[in-house]
Amino acid sequence: MAEDRGSQRPARGGGRPSGPRRTGDSSSARSGGSKDARPARSGDRPDRKDPRARSGGDRPGRKSDWKRPADQQGPRTTDQAKYDGPDLPEEVTGRELDRSVTGQLKGLPEKLALRVARHLAAAGMLLDTDPETAYQHTLAARARASRIAVVREATGEAAYAAGHFAEALAELRAAKRMNGATEYLPMMADCHRALGNPEQALKLAKSPSVVNFGPEQKAEMTLVEAGARRDMGQLDAALRTLELAPLMNKTRANWVVRLRYAYADTLEAAGRETDALAWFHRTHAVDSDEMTDADERAEKLEKQLG
């Protein structure tokens, strides 16, 4: 049985008001936007039951001002609700996004670009506190601009945060096809783990691109790789994977904390309680933000060891 995947899950980077996660040489700075046709909605065409449509009351090519009376309007369908997305707070203007993100939206008509930008900004703000609603905002953006890489990237990240791993994997793959970015690989690998395919996660962990990752990205992939080994019952291999990482790095960066915690947790799972105790203490020593429960784990082990 796989262990709790929390300690091995790649960090998303947080729900910043600036919008979708940006890591290193981000896809948003590389790829250009392109026009995307707006999906058909029930309100975009006259209903066949509309007498004005049958009698030719509207000249071809002109938009009708006729609307169905409120008492005859039914509830929105699931597809309509997904297209419309959650209500947009008035204070969210779209200007919260990084310029590299809004730059990709310039190929869209102005009003459409603004609506997409507002949904992306709202998603970025909600990513940590309400990931499901953030995901719904990104779906609304995707419905309007599915050919823009940053939109697919944001949808994938929000799907991942909300636990929709199959959808996250599909969206991140689409973004990668559009802009060739490799920064999504750790998250994609973890999606494979969540879907019960640790072998596929290991294949991504061995991608040649990983060699060129920065320290934080390498740590993320190491966490996923070690977690995949644990999923397969290969505790010794998981320990070897973590031991090749810079566990003794002197920084207090979150990725160092998470590497140490994963190593201590795996040591305990392997029955090496004394070593695990030492590494939980080492984790707590650099965990200034108290992002882990390393101190509680250490205290519990001390009681067990007497």
Protein backbone atom coordinates (compact mmCIF):
# COMPACT_ATOMS: atom_id res chain seq x y z
CA MET A 1 0.00 0.00 0.00
CA ALA A 2 1.35 3.42 -0.86
CA GLU A 3 2.16 5.77 1.99
CA ASP A 4 0.71 9.20 2.47
CA ARG A 5 1.94 11.08 -0.59
CA GLY A 6 1.97 14.51 1.05
CA SER A 7 5.69 14.62 1.77
CA GLN A 8 6.56 13.58 -1.77
CA ARG A 9 4.13 15.86 -3.60
CA PRO A 10 5.72 18.60 -5.69
CA ALA A 11 5.13 22.10 -4.36
CA ARG A 12 2.78 24.22 -6.46
CA GLY A 13 4.34 27.51 -5.46
CA GLY A 14 1.28 28.95 -3.80
CA GLY A 15 -1.75 30.90 -4.97
CA ARG A 16 -0.16 34.20 -5.76
CA PRO A 17 -2.24 37.15 -6.95
CA SER A 18 0.09 37.26 -9.97
CA GLY A 19 -1.72 34.23 -11.38
CA PRO A 20 -0.44 30.85 -12.52
CA ARG A 21 2.70 29.38 -11.01
CA ARG A 22 5.92 30.57 -12.55
CA THR A 23 9.11 28.54 -12.08
CA GLY A 24 12.41 29.46 -13.66
CA ASP A 25 12.26 29.89 -17.42
CA SER A 26 8.48 29.67 -17.54
CA SER A 27 6.35 28.64 -20.44
CA SER A 28 4.48 31.90 -20.30
CA ALA A 29 7.55 33.84 -21.29
CA ARG A 30 8.25 31.57 -24.21
CA SER A 31 5.01 30.79 -25.95
CA GLY A 32 2.80 33.13 -27.91
CA GLY A 33 -0.98 33.37 -27.75
CA SER A 34 -3.26 32.49 -30.61
CA LYS A 35 -6.91 33.10 -31.36
CA ASP A 36 -9.34 30.57 -30.04
CA ALA A 37 -12.87 30.29 -31.29
CA ARG A 38 -15.53 30.70 -28.67
CA PRO A 39 -17.54 27.50 -28.11
CA ALA A 40 -21.18 27.63 -29.16
CA ARG A 41 -23.65 28.40 -26.38
CA SER A 42 -27.36 27.98 -26.33
CA GLY A 43 -27.79 31.75 -26.19
CA ASP A 44 -25.68 32.35 -29.30
CA ARG A 45 -28.31 31.01 -31.72
CA PRO A 46 -32.07 31.52 -31.99
CA ASP A 47 -33.85 28.51 -30.56
CA ARG A 48 -35.71 26.55 -33.19
CA LYS A 49 -38.87 27.09 -31.23
CA ASP A 50 -38.45 30.85 -31.44
CA PRO A 51 -41.25 32.08 -33.76
CA ARG A 52 -39.06 34.94 -34.97
CA ALA A 53 -36.43 32.45 -36.12
CA ARG A 54 -39.03 30.49 -38.10
CA SER A 55 -40.59 33.53 -39.71
CA GLY A 56 -37.27 35.00 -40.71
CA GLY A 57 -37.78 38.02 -38.45
CA ASP A 58 -34.00 38.35 -38.06
CA ARG A 59 -31.92 39.14 -41.11
CA PRO A 60 -29.13 36.63 -41.74
CA GLY A 61 -25.87 37.49 -40.03
CA ARG A 62 -27.48 39.80 -37.49
CA LYS A 63 -27.76 39.00 -33.81
CA SER A 64 -31.26 38.87 -32.39
CA ASP A 65 -32.19 40.97 -29.37
CA TRP A 66 -34.97 38.57 -28.56
CA LYS A 67 -34.64 36.77 -25.22
CA ARG A 68 -36.75 34.00 -23.79
CA PRO A 69 -38.97 35.31 -20.95
CA ALA A 70 -37.51 34.64 -17.51
CA ASP A 71 -40.38 32.30 -16.56
CA GLN A 72 -39.56 30.14 -19.60
CA GLN A 73 -35.82 29.90 -18.97
CA GLY A 74 -34.60 26.58 -17.58
CA PRO A 75 -31.58 26.00 -15.34
CA ARG A 76 -28.13 26.17 -16.89
CA THR A 77 -26.79 22.88 -18.17
CA THR A 78 -23.57 21.46 -16.80
CA ASP A 79 -21.71 22.55 -19.93
CA GLN A 80 -23.14 26.06 -19.71
CA ALA A 81 -22.19 26.35 -16.05
CA LYS A 82 -18.65 25.16 -16.82
CA TYR A 83 -18.35 27.65 -19.67
CA ASP A 84 -19.62 30.56 -17.58
CA GLY A 85 -17.45 29.62 -14.62
CA PRO A 86 -17.83 30.86 -11.04
CA ASP A 87 -18.87 34.45 -10.45
CA LEU A 88 -16.00 36.86 -10.87
CA PRO A 89 -15.44 39.21 -7.92
CA GLU A 90 -15.63 42.84 -9.01
CA GLU A 91 -12.25 43.57 -7.47
CA VAL A 92 -10.52 41.04 -9.76
CA THR A 93 -9.58 43.01 -12.86
CA GLY A 94 -7.07 40.73 -14.60
CA ARG A 95 -4.31 43.29 -14.08
CA GLU A 96 -3.10 41.12 -11.19
CA LEU A 97 -1.46 38.78 -13.69
CA ASP A 98 2.19 38.96 -14.65
CA ARG A 99 2.84 40.76 -17.93
CA SER A 100 4.31 37.60 -19.43
CA VAL A 101 0.91 35.96 -18.90
CA THR A 102 -1.22 38.79 -20.26
CA GLY A 103 1.16 39.02 -23.20
CA GLN A 104 -0.01 35.58 -24.33
CA LEU A 105 -3.60 36.78 -24.34
CA LYS A 106 -3.03 39.68 -26.74
CA GLY A 107 -3.99 37.56 -29.73
CA LEU A 108 -7.56 37.39 -28.40
CA PRO A 109 -10.25 40.03 -28.88
CA GLU A 110 -10.00 42.62 -26.12
CA LYS A 111 -13.16 41.69 -24.20
CA LEU A 112 -12.42 38.00 -24.46
CA ALA A 113 -8.83 38.50 -23.30
CA LEU A 114 -10.09 40.46 -20.29
CA ARG A 115 -12.54 37.73 -19.30
CA VAL A 116 -9.86 35.05 -19.59
CA ALA A 117 -7.40 37.18 -17.60
CA ARG A 118 -9.92 37.72 -14.81
CA HIS A 119 -10.61 33.98 -14.52
CA LEU A 120 -6.87 33.23 -14.41
CA ALA A 121 -6.29 35.90 -11.77
CA ALA A 122 -9.17 34.60 -9.65
CA ALA A 123 -7.78 31.06 -9.95
CA GLY A 124 -4.35 32.19 -8.82
CA MET A 125 -5.81 33.85 -5.75
CA LEU A 126 -7.84 30.78 -4.76
CA LEU A 127 -5.35 28.04 -5.59
CA ASP A 128 -4.31 27.33 -2.00
CA THR A 129 -7.52 28.20 -0.14
CA ASP A 130 -10.18 26.85 -2.51
CA PRO A 131 -8.53 24.76 -5.24
CA GLU A 132 -11.81 23.36 -6.59
CA THR A 133 -13.20 26.82 -7.32
CA ALA A 134 -9.82 27.81 -8.74
CA TYR A 135 -10.09 24.83 -11.07
CA GLN A 136 -13.56 25.89 -12.20
CA HIS A 137 -12.19 29.36 -13.01
CA THR A 138 -9.47 27.82 -15.16
CA LEU A 139 -12.02 25.66 -16.96
CA ALA A 140 -13.92 28.83 -17.87
CA ALA A 141 -10.68 30.32 -19.18
CA ARG A 142 -9.88 27.16 -21.13
CA ALA A 143 -13.34 27.12 -22.72
CA ARG A 144 -12.53 30.52 -24.23
CA ALA A 145 -8.82 30.13 -25.00
CA SER A 146 -7.84 26.48 -25.17
CA ARG A 147 -5.01 27.08 -27.65
CA ILE A 148 -2.98 29.28 -25.33
CA ALA A 149 -0.28 27.48 -23.36
CA VAL A 150 -0.52 29.52 -20.18
CA VAL A 151 -4.24 28.76 -19.95
CA ARG A 152 -3.62 25.02 -20.22
CA GLU A 153 -0.78 25.33 -17.70
CA ALA A 154 -3.04 27.09 -15.20
CA THR A 155 -5.79 24.52 -15.73
CA GLY A 156 -3.36 21.68 -15.13
CA GLU A 157 -2.00 23.22 -11.97
CA ALA A 158 -5.45 23.93 -10.57
CA ALA A 159 -6.64 20.42 -11.45
CA TYR A 160 -3.61 19.02 -9.63
CA ALA A 161 -4.30 21.16 -6.58
CA ALA A 162 -7.93 20.03 -6.55
CA GLY A 163 -6.98 16.36 -6.84
CA HIS A 164 -8.18 15.84 -10.42
CA PHE A 165 -5.00 14.05 -11.45
CA ALA A 166 -6.10 12.60 -14.79
CA GLU A 167 -7.29 16.03 -15.91
CA ALA A 168 -4.12 17.67 -14.58
CA LEU A 169 -1.94 15.25 -16.52
CA ALA A 170 -3.86 15.88 -19.75
CA GLU A 171 -3.66 19.66 -19.37
CA LEU A 172 0.04 19.72 -18.50
CA ARG A 173 0.77 17.46 -21.46
CA ALA A 174 -1.12 19.88 -23.69
CA ALA A 175 0.83 22.85 -22.33
CA LYS A 176 4.10 21.00 -22.85
CA ARG A 177 3.20 20.23 -26.46
CA MET A 178 2.48 23.90 -27.05
CA ASN A 179 5.58 25.44 -25.55
CA GLY A 180 8.06 22.59 -25.04
CA ALA A 181 8.49 23.42 -21.36
CA THR A 182 9.89 20.73 -19.07
CA GLU A 183 9.12 22.36 -15.74
CA TYR A 184 5.85 20.43 -15.53
CA LEU A 185 7.59 17.05 -15.39
CA PRO A 186 7.64 16.62 -11.57
CA MET A 187 3.94 17.43 -11.34
CA MET A 188 3.16 15.15 -14.27
CA ALA A 189 5.15 12.36 -12.64
CA ASP A 190 3.25 12.79 -9.40
CA CYS A 191 -0.03 12.61 -11.32
CA HIS A 192 1.09 9.20 -12.59
CA ARG A 193 1.73 8.16 -8.98
CA ALA A 194 -1.71 9.31 -7.93
CA LEU A 195 -3.27 7.37 -10.79
CA GLY A 196 -1.51 4.18 -9.70
CA ASN A 197 1.22 4.21 -12.35
CA PRO A 198 4.52 4.56 -10.45
CA GLU A 199 6.44 3.03 -13.36
CA GLN A 200 5.40 5.94 -15.57
CA ALA A 201 6.48 8.36 -12.84
CA LEU A 202 9.93 6.75 -12.82
CA LYS A 203 10.19 7.10 -16.60
CA LEU A 204 9.61 10.85 -16.32
CA ALA A 205 12.09 11.05 -13.44
CA LYS A 206 14.76 9.66 -15.79
CA SER A 207 14.03 12.22 -18.52
CA PRO A 208 17.20 13.86 -19.90
CA SER A 209 15.71 17.28 -19.14
CA VAL A 210 15.99 16.65 -15.39
CA VAL A 211 19.78 17.08 -15.59
CA ASN A 212 19.26 20.75 -16.45
CA PHE A 213 16.81 21.43 -13.63
CA GLY A 214 17.66 23.91 -10.89
CA PRO A 215 18.06 22.70 -7.29
CA GLU A 216 14.42 23.16 -6.35
CA GLN A 217 13.07 21.37 -9.44
CA LYS A 218 15.55 18.52 -8.98
CA ALA A 219 14.39 18.17 -5.39
CA GLU A 220 10.77 17.99 -6.53
CA MET A 221 11.56 15.22 -8.98
CA THR A 222 13.62 13.37 -6.36
CA LEU A 223 10.66 13.44 -3.98
CA VAL A 224 8.36 12.00 -6.63
CA GLU A 225 10.89 9.36 -7.67
CA ALA A 226 11.43 8.24 -4.07
CA GLY A 227 7.68 8.18 -3.52
CA ALA A 228 7.19 6.03 -6.62
CA ARG A 229 9.79 3.58 -5.31
CA ARG A 230 7.89 3.39 -2.03
CA ASP A 231 4.65 2.82 -3.92
CA MET A 232 6.32 -0.21 -5.49
CA GLY A 233 7.55 -1.47 -2.11
CA GLN A 234 11.19 -0.64 -2.91
CA LEU A 235 12.20 1.07 0.33
CA ASP A 236 15.95 0.55 -0.16
CA ALA A 237 15.76 2.09 -3.63
CA ALA A 238 13.76 5.01 -2.22
CA LEU A 239 16.45 5.60 0.41
CA ARG A 240 19.22 5.49 -2.21
CA THR A 241 17.33 8.01 -4.33
CA LEU A 242 17.05 10.43 -1.42
CA GLU A 243 20.65 9.89 -0.32
CA LEU A 244 21.84 11.17 -3.71
CA ALA A 245 20.05 14.46 -3.07
CA PRO A 246 21.69 17.41 -1.23
CA LEU A 247 20.20 16.53 2.17
CA MET A 248 22.90 18.47 4.02
CA ASN A 249 22.49 21.67 2.03
CA LYS A 250 22.99 24.56 4.46
CA THR A 251 20.07 26.64 3.19
CA ARG A 252 16.71 26.65 4.94
CA ALA A 253 14.79 26.53 1.68
CA ASN A 254 11.53 24.60 1.72
CA TRP A 255 12.86 22.02 -0.71
CA VAL A 256 15.65 21.10 1.75
CA VAL A 257 13.09 20.73 4.54
CA ARG A 258 10.93 18.46 2.41
CA LEU A 259 13.86 16.31 1.28
CA ARG A 260 14.99 15.77 4.86
CA TYR A 261 11.46 15.00 6.02
CA ALA A 262 10.94 12.46 3.23
CA TYR A 263 14.25 10.80 4.11
CA ALA A 264 13.38 10.59 7.81
CA ASP A 265 9.93 9.23 7.00
CA THR A 266 11.37 6.58 4.69
CA LEU A 267 13.98 5.58 7.27
CA GLU A 268 11.22 5.00 9.80
CA ALA A 269 9.21 2.99 7.26
CA ALA A 270 12.32 0.83 6.70
CA GLY A 271 12.56 0.11 10.43
CA ARG A 272 15.59 2.34 11.06
CA GLU A 273 14.05 4.28 13.94
CA THR A 274 17.29 5.65 15.42
CA ASP A 275 18.40 7.08 12.08
CA ALA A 276 14.91 8.40 11.45
CA LEU A 277 14.95 10.20 14.81
CA ALA A 278 18.20 11.96 13.91
CA TRP A 279 16.81 13.10 10.57
CA PHE A 280 13.53 14.32 12.03
CA HIS A 281 15.63 16.48 14.35
CA ARG A 282 17.68 17.72 11.39
CA THR A 283 14.47 18.52 9.55
CA HIS A 284 13.05 20.47 12.46
CA ALA A 285 16.30 22.42 12.78
CA VAL A 286 15.79 24.02 9.33
CA ASP A 287 11.99 24.09 9.30
CA SER A 288 11.64 27.72 10.31
CA ASP A 289 8.17 27.96 8.73
CA GLU A 290 6.98 24.83 10.58
CA MET A 291 5.72 23.31 7.36
CA THR A 292 6.22 19.77 8.68
CA ASP A 293 5.42 17.90 11.89
CA ALA A 294 9.04 16.79 12.26
CA ASP A 295 9.21 17.84 15.92
CA GLU A 296 6.12 15.76 16.78
CA ARG A 297 7.45 12.78 14.87
CA ALA A 298 10.77 13.06 16.71
CA GLU A 299 9.05 13.26 20.08
CA LYS A 300 6.97 10.18 19.30
CA LEU A 301 10.04 8.20 18.24
CA GLU A 302 11.93 9.24 21.38
CA LYS A 303 9.14 7.78 23.49
CA GLN A 304 9.17 4.56 21.48
CA LEU A 305 12.93 4.18 21.77
CA GLY A 306 12.84 4.91 25.50
